[in-house]
Amino acid sequence: MDWQGQKLAEQLMQLMLVFFAVVAFIVGYVLGSFQTMLLIYGAGVVLTSLITVPNWPFFNRHPLNWLDPSEAEKHPKPQPAGAGSKKKASKK
């Protein structure tokens, strides 16, 4: 799953859970049934999980292009900021 796919999955999950929570609350309130409310919300959680958890192809629309190993050897590795310029502190 690429970065945009992760963002899409997160947004889709949040929207679906809120939608099912609102629908479950309204239906449970109108029918006066706590059990019905929980069943609707539980079904929504299961459906949301089935849509957002697997790595579906529509989550991979922007694949990352990795650098070839032969190309990576041509470029030096970055050095930590403090490794190259160590100054000795003089004591007074």
N, C-alpha and C. Protein backbone atom coordinates (compact mmCIF):
# COMPACT_ATOMS: atom_id res chain seq x y z
N MET A 1 0.85 -1.17 0.00
CA MET A 1 0.00 0.00 0.00
C MET A 1 0.90 1.24 0.00
N ASP A 2 0.63 2.16 -0.92
CA ASP A 2 1.44 3.36 -0.99
C ASP A 2 0.92 4.42 -0.02
N TRP A 3 1.64 5.57 0.03
CA TRP A 3 1.30 6.62 1.00
C TRP A 3 -0.10 7.17 0.76
N GLN A 4 -0.43 7.44 -0.50
CA GLN A 4 -1.76 7.96 -0.81
C GLN A 4 -2.83 6.93 -0.50
N GLY A 5 -2.51 5.65 -0.70
CA GLY A 5 -3.44 4.57 -0.37
C GLY A 5 -3.69 4.48 1.13
N GLN A 6 -2.65 4.69 1.93
CA GLN A 6 -2.82 4.69 3.38
C GLN A 6 -3.71 5.85 3.82
N LYS A 7 -3.50 7.00 3.22
CA LYS A 7 -4.32 8.16 3.55
C LYS A 7 -5.78 7.91 3.16
N LEU A 8 -5.98 7.34 1.96
CA LEU A 8 -7.34 7.04 1.51
C LEU A 8 -8.01 6.03 2.43
N ALA A 9 -7.28 4.98 2.83
CA ALA A 9 -7.84 3.97 3.72
C ALA A 9 -8.22 4.57 5.07
N GLU A 10 -7.38 5.45 5.59
CA GLU A 10 -7.66 6.10 6.88
C GLU A 10 -8.90 6.99 6.79
N GLN A 11 -8.98 7.80 5.74
CA GLN A 11 -10.14 8.68 5.58
C GLN A 11 -11.42 7.88 5.35
N LEU A 12 -11.33 6.83 4.54
CA LEU A 12 -12.49 5.98 4.27
C LEU A 12 -12.96 5.30 5.55
N MET A 13 -12.02 4.81 6.36
CA MET A 13 -12.37 4.17 7.62
C MET A 13 -13.08 5.14 8.55
N GLN A 14 -12.56 6.34 8.68
CA GLN A 14 -13.17 7.32 9.58
C GLN A 14 -14.57 7.70 9.11
N LEU A 15 -14.72 7.95 7.83
CA LEU A 15 -16.04 8.31 7.30
C LEU A 15 -17.06 7.19 7.48
N MET A 16 -16.65 5.97 7.18
CA MET A 16 -17.58 4.84 7.28
C MET A 16 -17.99 4.58 8.73
N LEU A 17 -17.03 4.66 9.66
CA LEU A 17 -17.37 4.41 11.06
C LEU A 17 -18.31 5.47 11.61
N VAL A 18 -18.07 6.73 11.25
CA VAL A 18 -18.97 7.80 11.70
C VAL A 18 -20.35 7.62 11.07
N PHE A 19 -20.39 7.30 9.78
CA PHE A 19 -21.67 7.09 9.10
C PHE A 19 -22.47 5.97 9.76
N PHE A 20 -21.82 4.82 9.99
CA PHE A 20 -22.53 3.70 10.61
C PHE A 20 -22.92 4.00 12.05
N ALA A 21 -22.13 4.78 12.76
CA ALA A 21 -22.49 5.16 14.13
C ALA A 21 -23.75 6.03 14.14
N VAL A 22 -23.81 6.99 13.22
CA VAL A 22 -24.98 7.87 13.15
C VAL A 22 -26.22 7.08 12.74
N VAL A 23 -26.09 6.26 11.70
CA VAL A 23 -27.23 5.45 11.24
C VAL A 23 -27.68 4.50 12.35
N ALA A 24 -26.74 3.84 13.01
CA ALA A 24 -27.10 2.90 14.08
C ALA A 24 -27.80 3.62 15.22
N PHE A 25 -27.32 4.81 15.58
CA PHE A 25 -27.95 5.55 16.67
C PHE A 25 -29.38 5.95 16.30
N ILE A 26 -29.55 6.47 15.09
CA ILE A 26 -30.89 6.91 14.67
C ILE A 26 -31.86 5.74 14.61
N VAL A 27 -31.45 4.64 13.99
CA VAL A 27 -32.33 3.46 13.89
C VAL A 27 -32.61 2.90 15.28
N GLY A 28 -31.59 2.81 16.11
CA GLY A 28 -31.80 2.30 17.47
C GLY A 28 -32.71 3.19 18.28
N TYR A 29 -32.60 4.50 18.10
CA TYR A 29 -33.45 5.44 18.83
C TYR A 29 -34.90 5.34 18.36
N VAL A 30 -35.09 5.30 17.03
CA VAL A 30 -36.45 5.23 16.48
C VAL A 30 -37.13 3.93 16.87
N LEU A 31 -36.40 2.82 16.80
CA LEU A 31 -36.99 1.53 17.15
C LEU A 31 -36.97 1.26 18.65
N GLY A 32 -36.19 2.04 19.38
CA GLY A 32 -36.09 1.84 20.82
C GLY A 32 -35.39 0.54 21.17
N SER A 33 -34.40 0.17 20.34
CA SER A 33 -33.72 -1.10 20.53
C SER A 33 -32.21 -0.90 20.57
N PHE A 34 -31.66 -1.12 21.75
CA PHE A 34 -30.21 -1.03 21.92
C PHE A 34 -29.52 -2.16 21.15
N GLN A 35 -30.14 -3.34 21.14
CA GLN A 35 -29.57 -4.49 20.44
C GLN A 35 -29.48 -4.23 18.94
N THR A 36 -30.52 -3.65 18.36
CA THR A 36 -30.50 -3.33 16.93
C THR A 36 -29.40 -2.31 16.63
N MET A 37 -29.25 -1.32 17.50
CA MET A 37 -28.21 -0.32 17.33
C MET A 37 -26.83 -0.98 17.31
N LEU A 38 -26.58 -1.87 18.25
CA LEU A 38 -25.28 -2.54 18.31
C LEU A 38 -25.06 -3.45 17.11
N LEU A 39 -26.10 -4.12 16.65
CA LEU A 39 -25.95 -4.99 15.49
C LEU A 39 -25.63 -4.20 14.22
N ILE A 40 -26.29 -3.06 14.04
CA ILE A 40 -26.01 -2.23 12.87
C ILE A 40 -24.59 -1.68 12.93
N TYR A 41 -24.19 -1.19 14.10
CA TYR A 41 -22.84 -0.66 14.22
C TYR A 41 -21.79 -1.77 14.06
N GLY A 42 -22.05 -2.93 14.63
CA GLY A 42 -21.12 -4.05 14.48
C GLY A 42 -20.98 -4.47 13.03
N ALA A 43 -22.09 -4.50 12.29
CA ALA A 43 -22.03 -4.83 10.86
C ALA A 43 -21.24 -3.76 10.12
N GLY A 44 -21.39 -2.50 10.52
CA GLY A 44 -20.63 -1.43 9.90
C GLY A 44 -19.13 -1.55 10.16
N VAL A 45 -18.77 -1.95 11.36
CA VAL A 45 -17.35 -2.14 11.68
C VAL A 45 -16.76 -3.28 10.86
N VAL A 46 -17.52 -4.37 10.73
CA VAL A 46 -17.04 -5.51 9.93
C VAL A 46 -16.90 -5.10 8.47
N LEU A 47 -17.90 -4.42 7.91
CA LEU A 47 -17.84 -3.98 6.52
C LEU A 47 -16.68 -3.00 6.30
N THR A 48 -16.50 -2.07 7.24
CA THR A 48 -15.40 -1.12 7.15
C THR A 48 -14.06 -1.85 7.17
N SER A 49 -13.93 -2.85 8.02
CA SER A 49 -12.68 -3.62 8.09
C SER A 49 -12.42 -4.38 6.79
N LEU A 50 -13.47 -4.94 6.21
CA LEU A 50 -13.30 -5.68 4.96
C LEU A 50 -12.90 -4.77 3.80
N ILE A 51 -13.29 -3.52 3.87
CA ILE A 51 -12.96 -2.58 2.80
C ILE A 51 -11.59 -1.94 3.01
N THR A 52 -11.24 -1.60 4.24
CA THR A 52 -10.03 -0.81 4.46
C THR A 52 -8.79 -1.61 4.87
N VAL A 53 -8.94 -2.79 5.44
CA VAL A 53 -7.77 -3.52 5.93
C VAL A 53 -7.01 -4.25 4.83
N PRO A 54 -7.66 -5.00 3.92
CA PRO A 54 -6.87 -5.67 2.88
C PRO A 54 -6.20 -4.68 1.93
N ASN A 55 -5.15 -5.12 1.32
CA ASN A 55 -4.40 -4.28 0.38
C ASN A 55 -5.03 -4.39 -1.01
N TRP A 56 -6.15 -3.72 -1.20
CA TRP A 56 -6.86 -3.75 -2.48
C TRP A 56 -6.07 -2.97 -3.53
N PRO A 57 -6.27 -3.31 -4.82
CA PRO A 57 -5.52 -2.62 -5.89
C PRO A 57 -5.75 -1.11 -5.94
N PHE A 58 -6.93 -0.63 -5.54
CA PHE A 58 -7.16 0.81 -5.61
C PHE A 58 -6.40 1.58 -4.54
N PHE A 59 -5.76 0.88 -3.60
CA PHE A 59 -4.88 1.54 -2.63
C PHE A 59 -3.44 1.64 -3.16
N ASN A 60 -3.17 1.06 -4.33
CA ASN A 60 -1.82 1.03 -4.90
C ASN A 60 -1.74 1.79 -6.22
N ARG A 61 -2.41 2.90 -6.32
CA ARG A 61 -2.42 3.65 -7.58
C ARG A 61 -1.17 4.50 -7.77
N HIS A 62 -0.43 4.77 -6.71
CA HIS A 62 0.77 5.62 -6.78
C HIS A 62 1.96 4.87 -6.20
N PRO A 63 2.50 3.87 -6.93
CA PRO A 63 3.61 3.09 -6.37
C PRO A 63 4.88 3.93 -6.25
N LEU A 64 5.69 3.56 -5.28
CA LEU A 64 6.97 4.25 -5.07
C LEU A 64 8.02 3.67 -6.02
N ASN A 65 8.83 4.53 -6.60
CA ASN A 65 9.93 4.08 -7.47
C ASN A 65 11.20 4.01 -6.63
N TRP A 66 11.65 2.78 -6.37
CA TRP A 66 12.84 2.59 -5.57
C TRP A 66 14.08 2.77 -6.45
N LEU A 67 15.17 3.19 -5.84
CA LEU A 67 16.43 3.38 -6.54
C LEU A 67 17.08 2.02 -6.76
N ASP A 68 17.59 1.79 -7.99
CA ASP A 68 18.28 0.53 -8.29
C ASP A 68 19.54 0.43 -7.44
N PRO A 69 19.94 -0.78 -7.03
CA PRO A 69 21.16 -0.92 -6.21
C PRO A 69 22.41 -0.40 -6.92
N SER A 70 22.50 -0.59 -8.23
CA SER A 70 23.69 -0.10 -8.95
C SER A 70 23.73 1.43 -8.94
N GLU A 71 22.58 2.07 -9.03
CA GLU A 71 22.51 3.53 -8.98
C GLU A 71 22.78 4.03 -7.56
N ALA A 72 22.35 3.29 -6.56
CA ALA A 72 22.56 3.71 -5.17
C ALA A 72 24.04 3.71 -4.80
N GLU A 73 24.83 2.82 -5.40
CA GLU A 73 26.26 2.76 -5.09
C GLU A 73 27.01 3.98 -5.62
N LYS A 74 26.48 4.64 -6.64
CA LYS A 74 27.13 5.82 -7.22
C LYS A 74 27.03 7.04 -6.31
N HIS A 75 26.04 7.06 -5.45
CA HIS A 75 25.80 8.22 -4.59
C HIS A 75 26.27 7.92 -3.17
N PRO A 76 27.05 8.82 -2.58
CA PRO A 76 27.53 8.58 -1.20
C PRO A 76 26.38 8.66 -0.20
N LYS A 77 26.55 7.93 0.86
CA LYS A 77 25.55 7.97 1.93
C LYS A 77 25.68 9.28 2.69
N PRO A 78 24.56 9.85 3.11
CA PRO A 78 24.65 11.09 3.89
C PRO A 78 25.29 10.84 5.25
N GLN A 79 26.12 11.79 5.67
CA GLN A 79 26.80 11.68 6.96
C GLN A 79 26.01 12.44 8.02
N PRO A 80 26.06 11.99 9.26
CA PRO A 80 25.40 12.75 10.33
C PRO A 80 25.97 14.16 10.42
N ALA A 81 25.18 15.09 10.88
CA ALA A 81 25.57 16.51 10.89
C ALA A 81 26.81 16.78 11.72
N GLY A 82 26.99 16.12 12.85
CA GLY A 82 28.11 16.41 13.73
C GLY A 82 29.35 15.57 13.47
N ALA A 83 29.33 14.64 12.54
CA ALA A 83 30.45 13.72 12.36
C ALA A 83 31.65 14.36 11.67
N GLY A 84 31.44 15.26 10.72
CA GLY A 84 32.54 15.80 9.94
C GLY A 84 33.20 17.01 10.56
N SER A 85 32.54 17.74 11.37
CA SER A 85 33.10 19.00 11.88
C SER A 85 33.17 19.00 13.40
N LYS A 86 34.10 18.21 13.92
CA LYS A 86 34.27 18.19 15.38
C LYS A 86 35.34 19.21 15.75
N LYS A 87 35.00 20.10 16.62
CA LYS A 87 35.96 21.09 17.10
C LYS A 87 36.31 20.79 18.55
N LYS A 88 37.59 20.96 18.84
CA LYS A 88 38.01 20.74 20.21
C LYS A 88 37.72 21.99 21.03
N ALA A 89 37.10 21.79 22.12
CA ALA A 89 36.81 22.94 23.00
C ALA A 89 38.04 23.23 23.84
N SER A 90 38.46 24.48 23.83
CA SER A 90 39.62 24.86 24.62
C SER A 90 39.16 25.26 26.02
N LYS A 91 39.87 24.77 27.00
CA LYS A 91 39.54 25.09 28.38
C LYS A 91 40.36 26.28 28.84
N LYS A 92 39.74 27.22 29.48
CA LYS A 92 40.45 28.41 29.95
C LYS A 92 40.69 28.36 31.42
